[in-house]
Amino acid sequence: MTRETKATVAALGLALATHLIGSRSAIAEIPLGQYDGWRLSTDGRVNAFLSVAEGTGLPANEPDNPGAGTPDYADSNNNLHAMRIRNGFLMSVLGFTGQKEISPNFKVTTRISLWMDITGSRTKNNPAEIDPRELYLKLEGPWGSFLGGSDMALFGRGATLMDARIAHDYGLGYPCGVEYASGGGCGMVAFGEPFPGFEPGFVYATPSLGGLQISLGAYDPATIANAQLNRAPLPRFEGEVKFELKDMIRVFASGFWQVLEGTVPDTTTGTLVERNLHTNAWGVQGGVMVALGPVMLGGAAYEGAGFSPITYVDESVIAADSTGVLRDSQGAFGLGAILINAFHVKIAGGAGVWHLDKNKNDGGIMNSGNPTNPQLIKENLGETVGLYQTTGPVHFALEYFRAQSTWYDYGVASASDPTMILAVTPKQVVNFINAGMTVVW
C-alpha cells in the first residue's frame, strides 16, 4: 500500500466529532470546571470491533488504490480470508470544549479533540495513531458564527452525517480495507458517499432562519501531484445550504470548487518545452433525510471532477491521469432504519453506488491478455445491513457489508481463434461481518 493510500485511509472516520459528538445528540457533556467565565467540559467515546472478511482478492495486475477494491493478501486461488480488530465509523475520541460568553450577544468556543486508532498495520507492537483532528475556535453572535481552524469540511458533510445518524454512528460499515485498519471505518464512503475530510479553513455560517442555514468556507487547498497538478494558487471554496425542521426533515446541498495548476513537458511538437496546466476540480451534492416516528429514510447523490471513490481532490491516479486531465465521477446511496424502542434496538440497511467516467485520454478495451497498465476502476457497489442495540452507555453492533468493485474491460485473444478478442471484466466481491461495541460519554 502506497504512502498516499495510507494517508487517505487514515483520514477517514476522523471528522465527525463536532457534528456528532459535539452536537451532544446522543451524549451529555461532562463539566470539568469553571474559571473567569470559562466553562470547560469533556466528551468522547471508546470502541472496538471485530471485522471478518471473506471473498476474492484483487484481480490480477490491478493496483492497490484507496477505495478501488479491497486490498489484502489472497491465497494462490485468489481467495481472501482475513480478520482485523479495529475502530468503528468514528474512532475512539477524547474531546475538550471551552466556552465563554463575552457579552449577552457574543460567545467564543474552543474545541480540541484527540482521535485514536486501536491499531494500524499488521505489525505486532506497531503503535496506533493519535491525532488532534478537531482544533478550532468559533465566534458566535446574532450575525451568525465564524470558525477558524480544523473541522469537518462543508462539501459532503450533510451526507456523511446522515450516514452516521441512520446507520453507522455506532457501527463500522465498509472497513475501507482489510490489510490496514488506520482511521476508523468508512460507513458508505467509497459507495456513493465522498468523505468531506477534516480540513483547516475559515467558515462563516448564517444564523438559522426558520431552520434554513447557509455556510461558506475557504480551505487550505489540496493538490494532485501524481497528475502533475502540484500548484494551488487559490483556496478551495466550499458551501452548504441546509434546512432542518426539528428532527423530522433535513434537506441539504453542498458544492466545492478549486483551481489546480502544474507544469509538464510537451513533446507534441517534437521539441521538449514546458506547458502550463490549469484545471478546475468541482463537485455538487444534494440529499434529504426524513425521520417519522420509528422510521428513518435518507439518500444523497453527487457529481464532480477530481474524485477518487473515497474523497475529492484526492492524491490518487483515479482522480486524474498523468497529464493532469481530471476524471468525472458520480455516486449515490440510500439508507433506511426502523427503531424498536421497547428493546432499544435499531435495524438499518441500504445500498450505494459509485461510478467513474473515462476522460479523453483513456483508451477503450485494452487488447492484451496480461495488461501491463492496470485498468481503471469503473464502479463500486455496496450493500449494508446492521442490528444496533443500546444498553445504558454501551452500544452494541452486528453488521454485514457486501463490497463489489468492477474495473473497465480489457481484451484477451480467444484460445480457439487468436484473431478474436474477448472482453474480460475484472471484478472483486468481499463480504464483511462486523461485530463490536461503543461506550459514549
Protein backbone atom coordinates (compact mmCIF):
# COMPACT_ATOMS: atom_id res chain seq x y z
CA MET A 1 0.00 0.00 0.00
CA THR A 2 1.44 3.38 -1.01
CA ARG A 3 2.06 6.28 1.33
CA GLU A 4 -0.77 8.20 -0.34
CA THR A 5 -3.12 5.25 0.15
CA LYS A 6 -2.29 5.02 3.84
CA ALA A 7 -2.78 8.76 4.28
CA THR A 8 -6.14 8.71 2.52
CA VAL A 9 -7.43 5.75 4.51
CA ALA A 10 -6.13 7.32 7.70
CA ALA A 11 -8.17 10.44 7.00
CA LEU A 12 -11.44 8.53 7.18
CA GLY A 13 -13.57 8.48 10.24
CA LEU A 14 -11.63 11.38 11.71
CA ALA A 15 -14.01 14.29 11.28
CA LEU A 16 -17.35 13.72 12.94
CA ALA A 17 -16.75 14.89 16.47
CA THR A 18 -18.13 18.40 16.25
CA HIS A 19 -21.26 17.32 14.49
CA LEU A 20 -21.99 14.03 16.24
CA ILE A 21 -20.10 14.10 19.49
CA GLY A 22 -20.08 17.89 19.55
CA SER A 23 -23.80 18.09 18.83
CA ARG A 24 -24.49 16.22 22.08
CA SER A 25 -27.41 14.48 20.33
CA ALA A 26 -26.54 11.11 21.84
CA ILE A 27 -24.41 12.08 24.83
CA ALA A 28 -24.05 14.70 27.53
CA GLU A 29 -21.07 16.89 28.24
CA ILE A 30 -19.21 16.18 31.45
CA PRO A 31 -18.39 19.52 33.10
CA LEU A 32 -14.82 19.82 34.33
CA GLY A 33 -14.90 23.25 35.90
CA GLN A 34 -15.33 26.98 35.52
CA TYR A 35 -12.86 29.85 35.79
CA ASP A 36 -13.08 33.54 34.89
CA GLY A 37 -16.27 32.93 32.90
CA TRP A 38 -14.88 29.94 31.04
CA ARG A 39 -16.77 26.61 31.15
CA LEU A 40 -14.67 23.55 30.37
CA SER A 41 -16.21 20.18 29.54
CA THR A 42 -15.18 16.84 28.09
CA ASP A 43 -16.83 14.18 25.93
CA GLY A 44 -15.84 11.21 23.84
CA ARG A 45 -16.17 7.56 23.03
CA VAL A 46 -14.18 4.32 23.01
CA ASN A 47 -14.98 1.44 20.68
CA ALA A 48 -13.65 -1.88 19.41
CA PHE A 49 -14.81 -4.04 16.51
CA LEU A 50 -14.00 -7.47 15.13
CA SER A 51 -14.19 -7.37 11.34
CA VAL A 52 -14.06 -10.61 9.34
CA ALA A 53 -13.65 -10.57 5.54
CA GLU A 54 -14.40 -13.40 3.11
CA GLY A 55 -14.24 -13.11 -0.66
CA THR A 56 -11.85 -12.77 -3.57
CA GLY A 57 -8.56 -10.90 -3.75
CA LEU A 58 -7.81 -8.04 -6.12
CA PRO A 59 -7.93 -9.10 -9.78
CA ALA A 60 -4.55 -9.74 -11.39
CA ASN A 61 -2.49 -6.63 -12.13
CA GLU A 62 -4.97 -4.24 -10.53
CA PRO A 63 -3.33 -1.66 -8.23
CA ASP A 64 -3.87 -1.05 -4.54
CA ASN A 65 -5.71 2.28 -4.69
CA PRO A 66 -7.86 3.64 -1.86
CA GLY A 67 -11.49 2.76 -2.43
CA ALA A 68 -10.75 0.82 -5.62
CA GLY A 69 -11.30 -2.68 -4.43
CA THR A 70 -10.31 -4.21 -1.11
CA PRO A 71 -6.56 -4.95 -0.92
CA ASP A 72 -5.17 -7.79 1.14
CA TYR A 73 -3.08 -10.92 0.75
CA ALA A 74 -5.09 -13.61 -1.02
CA ASP A 75 -4.07 -17.25 -1.39
CA SER A 76 -2.91 -18.93 -4.62
CA ASN A 77 -6.54 -19.37 -5.69
CA ASN A 78 -7.15 -15.63 -5.10
CA ASN A 79 -9.42 -16.36 -2.15
CA LEU A 80 -9.41 -13.82 0.66
CA HIS A 81 -9.91 -14.74 4.32
CA ALA A 82 -8.96 -12.07 6.84
CA MET A 83 -9.72 -10.69 10.30
CA ARG A 84 -8.89 -7.38 11.98
CA ILE A 85 -9.54 -5.69 15.31
CA ARG A 86 -10.39 -2.10 14.55
CA ASN A 87 -12.35 1.07 15.38
CA GLY A 88 -15.83 1.90 14.15
CA PHE A 89 -17.03 4.54 11.70
CA LEU A 90 -15.99 7.01 14.37
CA MET A 91 -12.71 6.25 16.09
CA SER A 92 -12.11 6.43 19.81
CA VAL A 93 -12.25 10.10 20.74
CA LEU A 94 -11.38 12.29 23.71
CA GLY A 95 -12.62 15.84 23.32
CA PHE A 96 -12.41 19.07 25.31
CA THR A 97 -14.58 22.14 24.78
CA GLY A 98 -14.14 25.57 26.30
CA GLN A 99 -16.84 28.26 26.13
CA LYS A 100 -17.11 31.82 27.37
CA GLU A 101 -19.84 34.44 26.95
CA ILE A 102 -18.02 37.69 26.32
CA SER A 103 -21.35 39.53 26.30
CA PRO A 104 -25.03 38.52 26.03
CA ASN A 105 -24.68 38.61 22.22
CA PHE A 106 -21.14 37.32 21.78
CA LYS A 107 -19.77 33.87 22.64
CA VAL A 108 -16.42 32.20 21.97
CA THR A 109 -15.90 28.44 21.76
CA THR A 110 -12.67 26.48 21.51
CA ARG A 111 -12.50 22.78 20.66
CA ILE A 112 -9.65 20.27 20.85
CA SER A 113 -10.20 16.55 20.43
CA LEU A 114 -7.86 13.61 20.08
CA TRP A 115 -8.82 10.81 17.70
CA MET A 116 -7.17 7.46 18.38
CA ASP A 117 -6.72 4.29 16.36
CA ILE A 118 -6.98 0.92 18.05
CA THR A 119 -4.47 -0.47 15.55
CA GLY A 120 -2.75 0.28 12.27
CA SER A 121 -0.77 -2.22 10.22
CA ARG A 122 -0.49 -5.93 10.98
CA THR A 123 2.94 -5.48 12.52
CA LYS A 124 2.89 -6.56 16.15
CA ASN A 125 3.60 -3.74 18.61
CA ASN A 126 3.14 -1.14 15.89
CA PRO A 127 1.87 1.98 17.71
CA ALA A 128 -1.53 3.32 16.71
CA GLU A 129 -2.17 6.90 15.65
CA ILE A 130 -3.25 9.82 17.82
CA ASP A 131 -4.34 12.99 16.04
CA PRO A 132 -5.81 16.30 17.28
CA ARG A 133 -8.26 16.29 14.39
CA GLU A 134 -10.53 18.97 15.81
CA LEU A 135 -8.63 22.12 16.56
CA TYR A 136 -10.59 25.33 16.13
CA LEU A 137 -12.06 28.46 17.64
CA LYS A 138 -15.55 29.76 16.88
CA LEU A 139 -17.10 33.18 17.43
CA GLU A 140 -20.90 33.39 17.65
CA GLY A 141 -23.37 36.25 17.73
CA PRO A 142 -26.71 37.39 16.30
CA TRP A 143 -24.96 37.72 12.93
CA GLY A 144 -24.10 34.01 12.82
CA SER A 145 -20.79 32.28 13.51
CA PHE A 146 -17.22 32.40 12.27
CA LEU A 147 -14.92 29.38 12.69
CA GLY A 148 -11.17 29.24 12.19
CA GLY A 149 -9.15 26.04 12.36
CA SER A 150 -9.66 22.38 11.56
CA ASP A 151 -13.16 20.93 11.38
CA MET A 152 -15.27 18.83 9.02
CA ALA A 153 -15.37 20.41 5.56
CA LEU A 154 -18.67 21.57 4.09
CA PHE A 155 -18.85 19.58 0.86
CA GLY A 156 -20.42 16.19 1.52
CA ARG A 157 -20.94 16.94 5.21
CA GLY A 158 -24.70 16.51 5.06
CA ALA A 159 -24.48 13.04 3.52
CA THR A 160 -21.82 11.81 5.96
CA LEU A 161 -23.83 13.00 8.97
CA MET A 162 -26.92 11.34 7.53
CA ASP A 163 -24.99 8.06 7.13
CA ALA A 164 -23.96 8.28 10.77
CA ARG A 165 -27.40 9.12 12.09
CA ILE A 166 -29.32 6.46 10.18
CA ALA A 167 -26.84 3.60 10.19
CA HIS A 168 -23.19 3.78 11.22
CA ASP A 169 -22.85 6.14 14.18
CA TYR A 170 -22.22 3.13 16.44
CA GLY A 171 -21.22 0.78 13.64
CA LEU A 172 -18.46 0.31 11.12
CA GLY A 173 -19.89 -0.26 7.63
CA TYR A 174 -17.28 -0.75 4.94
CA PRO A 175 -13.91 -1.19 6.67
CA CYS A 176 -12.09 0.88 3.99
CA GLY A 177 -9.70 -2.02 3.51
CA VAL A 178 -8.55 -5.25 5.09
CA GLU A 179 -4.79 -5.07 5.35
CA TYR A 180 -4.71 -1.69 7.06
CA ALA A 181 -7.02 -0.53 9.83
CA SER A 182 -5.95 3.09 10.09
CA GLY A 183 -8.52 5.84 10.53
CA GLY A 184 -11.67 4.05 11.55
CA GLY A 185 -14.33 2.63 9.23
CA CYS A 186 -15.87 4.03 6.07
CA GLY A 187 -19.60 3.53 6.54
CA MET A 188 -20.92 4.11 2.98
CA VAL A 189 -17.81 6.03 1.90
CA ALA A 190 -16.47 4.70 -1.45
CA PHE A 191 -20.02 3.64 -2.40
CA GLY A 192 -21.56 6.95 -3.42
CA GLU A 193 -20.57 8.94 -0.34
CA PRO A 194 -17.44 11.12 -0.76
CA PHE A 195 -15.84 11.81 2.60
CA PRO A 196 -15.57 15.55 3.45
CA GLY A 197 -12.26 15.23 5.24
CA PHE A 198 -11.02 17.13 8.23
CA GLU A 199 -9.76 20.39 6.82
CA PRO A 200 -8.19 23.65 8.04
CA GLY A 201 -10.01 26.75 6.93
CA PHE A 202 -12.25 29.68 7.77
CA VAL A 203 -16.02 29.15 7.72
CA TYR A 204 -18.88 31.60 8.10
CA ALA A 205 -22.41 30.34 8.87
CA THR A 206 -25.55 32.44 8.94
CA PRO A 207 -27.89 32.21 11.90
CA SER A 208 -30.65 29.66 11.48
CA LEU A 209 -33.59 31.40 9.80
CA GLY A 210 -36.59 29.18 10.45
CA GLY A 211 -34.38 26.11 10.01
CA LEU A 212 -32.52 27.46 6.96
CA GLN A 213 -28.77 27.99 7.23
CA ILE A 214 -26.06 28.84 4.72
CA SER A 215 -22.36 28.14 5.32
CA LEU A 216 -19.41 29.35 3.23
CA GLY A 217 -15.81 28.27 3.69
CA ALA A 218 -12.33 28.91 2.33
CA TYR A 219 -10.00 25.95 2.93
CA ASP A 220 -6.34 25.12 2.64
CA PRO A 221 -6.18 23.83 -0.96
CA ALA A 222 -5.17 20.31 -1.98
CA THR A 223 -3.05 19.16 -4.92
CA ILE A 224 -2.87 16.04 -7.09
CA ALA A 225 0.88 15.80 -7.53
CA ASN A 226 0.85 12.39 -9.26
CA ALA A 227 -1.13 14.11 -12.06
CA GLN A 228 1.44 16.97 -12.26
CA LEU A 229 -1.17 19.22 -10.62
CA ASN A 230 1.16 20.37 -7.86
CA ARG A 231 0.17 24.02 -7.61
CA ALA A 232 -2.90 25.51 -5.94
CA PRO A 233 -2.90 29.32 -6.22
CA LEU A 234 -6.28 29.88 -4.51
CA PRO A 235 -8.10 28.43 -1.52
CA ARG A 236 -10.65 25.70 -2.05
CA PHE A 237 -14.10 27.25 -1.77
CA GLU A 238 -16.96 25.20 -0.35
CA GLY A 239 -20.54 25.95 0.54
CA GLU A 240 -23.55 24.27 2.09
CA VAL A 241 -27.25 25.10 2.28
CA LYS A 242 -29.37 23.10 4.69
CA PHE A 243 -32.90 23.20 6.00
CA GLU A 244 -33.97 21.37 9.16
CA LEU A 245 -37.49 21.00 10.51
CA LYS A 246 -36.94 19.94 14.11
CA ASP A 247 -35.54 16.38 13.97
CA MET A 248 -38.00 15.24 11.31
CA ILE A 249 -36.74 16.61 7.99
CA ARG A 250 -33.29 17.60 6.82
CA VAL A 251 -32.60 18.80 3.26
CA PHE A 252 -29.07 19.73 2.24
CA ALA A 253 -26.99 20.71 -0.78
CA SER A 254 -23.29 21.46 -0.99
CA GLY A 255 -20.60 22.20 -3.52
CA PHE A 256 -16.89 22.98 -3.92
CA TRP A 257 -14.54 24.49 -6.49
CA GLN A 258 -10.75 24.61 -6.60
CA VAL A 259 -8.17 25.69 -9.15
CA LEU A 260 -5.35 23.23 -9.85
CA GLU A 261 -2.20 24.05 -11.79
CA GLY A 262 1.04 22.39 -12.82
CA THR A 263 3.78 22.25 -15.43
CA VAL A 264 4.51 19.26 -17.69
CA PRO A 265 6.81 18.57 -20.64
CA ASP A 266 5.04 18.90 -24.01
CA THR A 267 6.61 16.78 -26.77
CA THR A 268 3.79 17.03 -29.31
CA THR A 269 5.80 19.43 -31.47
CA GLY A 270 8.92 17.27 -31.39
CA THR A 271 10.71 19.85 -29.25
CA LEU A 272 10.79 19.49 -25.48
CA VAL A 273 9.05 22.52 -23.98
CA GLU A 274 7.23 23.22 -20.76
CA ARG A 275 3.43 23.53 -20.84
CA ASN A 276 1.37 25.01 -18.01
CA LEU A 277 -1.67 23.11 -16.81
CA HIS A 278 -4.79 24.80 -15.49
CA THR A 279 -7.94 22.95 -14.49
CA ASN A 280 -10.82 23.10 -12.04
CA ALA A 281 -11.86 20.43 -9.58
CA TRP A 282 -15.52 20.71 -8.65
CA GLY A 283 -18.41 18.85 -7.10
CA VAL A 284 -22.10 19.21 -6.20
CA GLN A 285 -24.15 17.07 -3.86
CA GLY A 286 -27.72 17.05 -2.58
CA GLY A 287 -29.76 14.88 -0.26
CA VAL A 288 -32.70 14.55 2.08
CA MET A 289 -33.43 12.70 5.31
CA VAL A 290 -36.83 12.10 6.90
CA ALA A 291 -37.47 10.76 10.42
CA LEU A 292 -41.11 10.00 11.20
CA GLY A 293 -41.77 8.10 14.40
CA PRO A 294 -39.70 4.92 14.43
CA VAL A 295 -38.73 5.15 10.74
CA MET A 296 -35.77 6.99 9.21
CA LEU A 297 -35.09 7.27 5.47
CA GLY A 298 -32.43 9.20 3.61
CA GLY A 299 -30.44 9.43 0.42
CA ALA A 300 -27.89 11.61 -1.35
CA ALA A 301 -26.24 11.89 -4.77
CA TYR A 302 -23.23 13.75 -6.13
CA GLU A 303 -21.36 14.53 -9.35
CA GLY A 304 -17.95 16.09 -9.87
CA ALA A 305 -14.42 16.06 -11.29
CA GLY A 306 -11.23 15.12 -9.44
CA PHE A 307 -12.61 12.40 -7.16
CA SER A 308 -11.38 9.03 -6.00
CA PRO A 309 -14.05 6.66 -4.66
CA ILE A 310 -13.24 7.93 -1.16
CA THR A 311 -12.91 11.70 -1.39
CA TYR A 312 -12.38 14.73 -3.63
CA VAL A 313 -9.22 16.49 -4.86
CA ASP A 314 -7.56 13.24 -3.87
CA GLU A 315 -3.92 12.28 -4.35
CA SER A 316 -4.98 9.34 -6.50
CA VAL A 317 -4.34 8.03 -10.01
CA ILE A 318 -8.11 7.62 -10.22
CA ALA A 319 -8.91 11.33 -9.79
CA ALA A 320 -6.76 12.39 -12.78
CA ASP A 321 -4.40 10.92 -15.35
CA SER A 322 -0.65 11.56 -15.50
CA THR A 323 -1.12 14.53 -17.87
CA GLY A 324 -3.34 16.41 -15.42
CA VAL A 325 -6.74 15.73 -17.01
CA LEU A 326 -9.37 15.15 -14.33
CA ARG A 327 -11.92 12.35 -14.49
CA ASP A 328 -15.62 12.80 -13.77
CA SER A 329 -17.49 10.55 -11.36
CA GLN A 330 -20.96 10.19 -9.87
CA GLY A 331 -22.34 8.46 -6.82
CA ALA A 332 -25.50 7.92 -4.83
CA PHE A 333 -26.59 5.99 -1.77
CA GLY A 334 -29.72 5.42 0.26
CA LEU A 335 -30.30 4.22 3.82
CA GLY A 336 -33.26 3.32 5.99
CA ALA A 337 -33.77 2.33 9.60
CA ILE A 338 -36.54 1.28 11.96
CA LEU A 339 -36.39 1.79 15.72
CA ILE A 340 -37.83 -0.74 18.15
CA ASN A 341 -37.88 1.47 21.23
CA ALA A 342 -39.14 -1.21 23.62
CA PHE A 343 -35.85 -3.08 23.19
CA HIS A 344 -33.63 -0.06 22.40
CA VAL A 345 -32.89 -1.66 19.03
CA LYS A 346 -32.33 -0.20 15.58
CA ILE A 347 -32.29 -2.18 12.32
CA ALA A 348 -30.67 -0.27 9.47
CA GLY A 349 -29.65 -1.01 5.92
CA GLY A 350 -29.14 0.38 2.46
CA ALA A 351 -27.04 0.42 -0.69
CA GLY A 352 -24.78 2.76 -2.63
CA VAL A 353 -23.03 3.00 -5.98
CA TRP A 354 -20.03 4.96 -7.28
CA HIS A 355 -19.13 5.27 -10.97
CA LEU A 356 -16.05 6.67 -12.75
CA ASP A 357 -16.10 8.05 -16.32
CA LYS A 358 -13.05 7.73 -18.54
CA ASN A 359 -11.54 11.01 -19.71
CA LYS A 360 -10.49 11.99 -23.24
CA ASN A 361 -7.07 10.34 -22.83
CA ASP A 362 -8.31 6.99 -21.60
CA GLY A 363 -8.48 4.31 -24.28
CA GLY A 364 -11.11 1.69 -24.93
CA ILE A 365 -10.69 -2.04 -24.39
CA MET A 366 -7.03 -2.94 -23.86
CA ASN A 367 -6.06 -5.74 -26.27
CA SER A 368 -3.73 -7.66 -24.01
CA GLY A 369 -4.20 -10.90 -22.14
CA ASN A 370 -1.97 -9.67 -19.31
CA PRO A 371 -2.20 -5.88 -19.19
CA THR A 372 0.95 -4.14 -18.02
CA ASN A 373 -1.05 -0.98 -17.41
CA PRO A 374 -3.85 -1.65 -14.89
CA GLN A 375 -7.37 -0.84 -15.93
CA LEU A 376 -9.34 1.93 -14.32
CA ILE A 377 -11.82 1.11 -11.61
CA LYS A 378 -15.28 1.56 -13.13
CA GLU A 379 -17.81 1.05 -10.37
CA ASN A 380 -18.25 0.23 -6.69
CA LEU A 381 -21.48 -1.28 -5.38
CA GLY A 382 -22.04 -1.62 -1.63
CA GLU A 383 -24.87 -3.14 0.40
CA THR A 384 -25.19 -2.92 4.17
CA VAL A 385 -27.47 -4.16 6.95
CA GLY A 386 -26.95 -3.84 10.69
CA LEU A 387 -28.50 -4.51 14.07
CA TYR A 388 -27.74 -1.94 16.79
CA GLN A 389 -28.72 -2.22 20.46
CA THR A 390 -28.23 0.25 23.29
CA THR A 391 -27.86 -0.70 26.95
CA GLY A 392 -27.05 2.36 29.04
CA PRO A 393 -23.90 3.98 27.70
CA VAL A 394 -22.95 0.85 25.72
CA HIS A 395 -23.97 0.49 22.07
CA PHE A 396 -23.65 -2.97 20.50
CA ALA A 397 -23.48 -3.55 16.74
CA LEU A 398 -23.65 -6.54 14.40
CA GLU A 399 -23.31 -5.74 10.69
CA TYR A 400 -22.99 -7.28 7.25
CA PHE A 401 -21.44 -5.35 4.36
CA ARG A 402 -21.03 -6.58 0.78
CA ALA A 403 -18.45 -4.69 -1.31
CA GLN A 404 -18.25 -5.24 -5.06
CA SER A 405 -15.74 -3.48 -7.31
CA THR A 406 -15.70 -3.67 -11.11
CA TRP A 407 -12.96 -2.48 -13.47
CA TYR A 408 -13.22 -1.43 -17.10
CA ASP A 409 -12.93 -4.27 -19.62
CA TYR A 410 -9.74 -5.38 -21.28
CA GLY A 411 -9.39 -7.75 -24.22
CA VAL A 412 -7.79 -11.19 -24.50
CA ALA A 413 -7.28 -13.34 -27.54
CA SER A 414 -9.60 -16.32 -27.87
CA ALA A 415 -7.88 -19.68 -27.32
CA SER A 416 -9.73 -21.17 -30.31
CA ASP A 417 -9.31 -18.16 -32.58
CA PRO A 418 -6.37 -15.83 -31.79
CA THR A 419 -7.78 -13.20 -34.14
CA MET A 420 -10.87 -12.86 -31.96
CA ILE A 421 -10.62 -10.55 -28.93
CA LEU A 422 -12.78 -11.41 -25.91
CA ALA A 423 -13.66 -8.80 -23.33
CA VAL A 424 -12.68 -9.55 -19.72
CA THR A 425 -14.27 -7.62 -16.84
CA PRO A 426 -12.13 -7.73 -13.65
CA LYS A 427 -14.30 -7.89 -10.54
CA GLN A 428 -13.91 -8.39 -6.81
CA VAL A 429 -16.53 -9.22 -4.18
CA VAL A 430 -15.75 -9.19 -0.44
CA ASN A 431 -18.24 -9.90 2.34
CA PHE A 432 -17.64 -8.36 5.77
CA ILE A 433 -19.11 -9.29 9.14
CA ASN A 434 -18.50 -6.60 11.80
CA ALA A 435 -19.28 -7.02 15.49
CA GLY A 436 -18.37 -4.55 18.20
CA MET A 437 -19.34 -2.15 20.92
CA THR A 438 -19.02 1.54 21.70
CA VAL A 439 -19.13 3.37 25.02
CA VAL A 440 -20.02 7.05 24.77
CA TRP A 441 -19.88 9.78 27.42
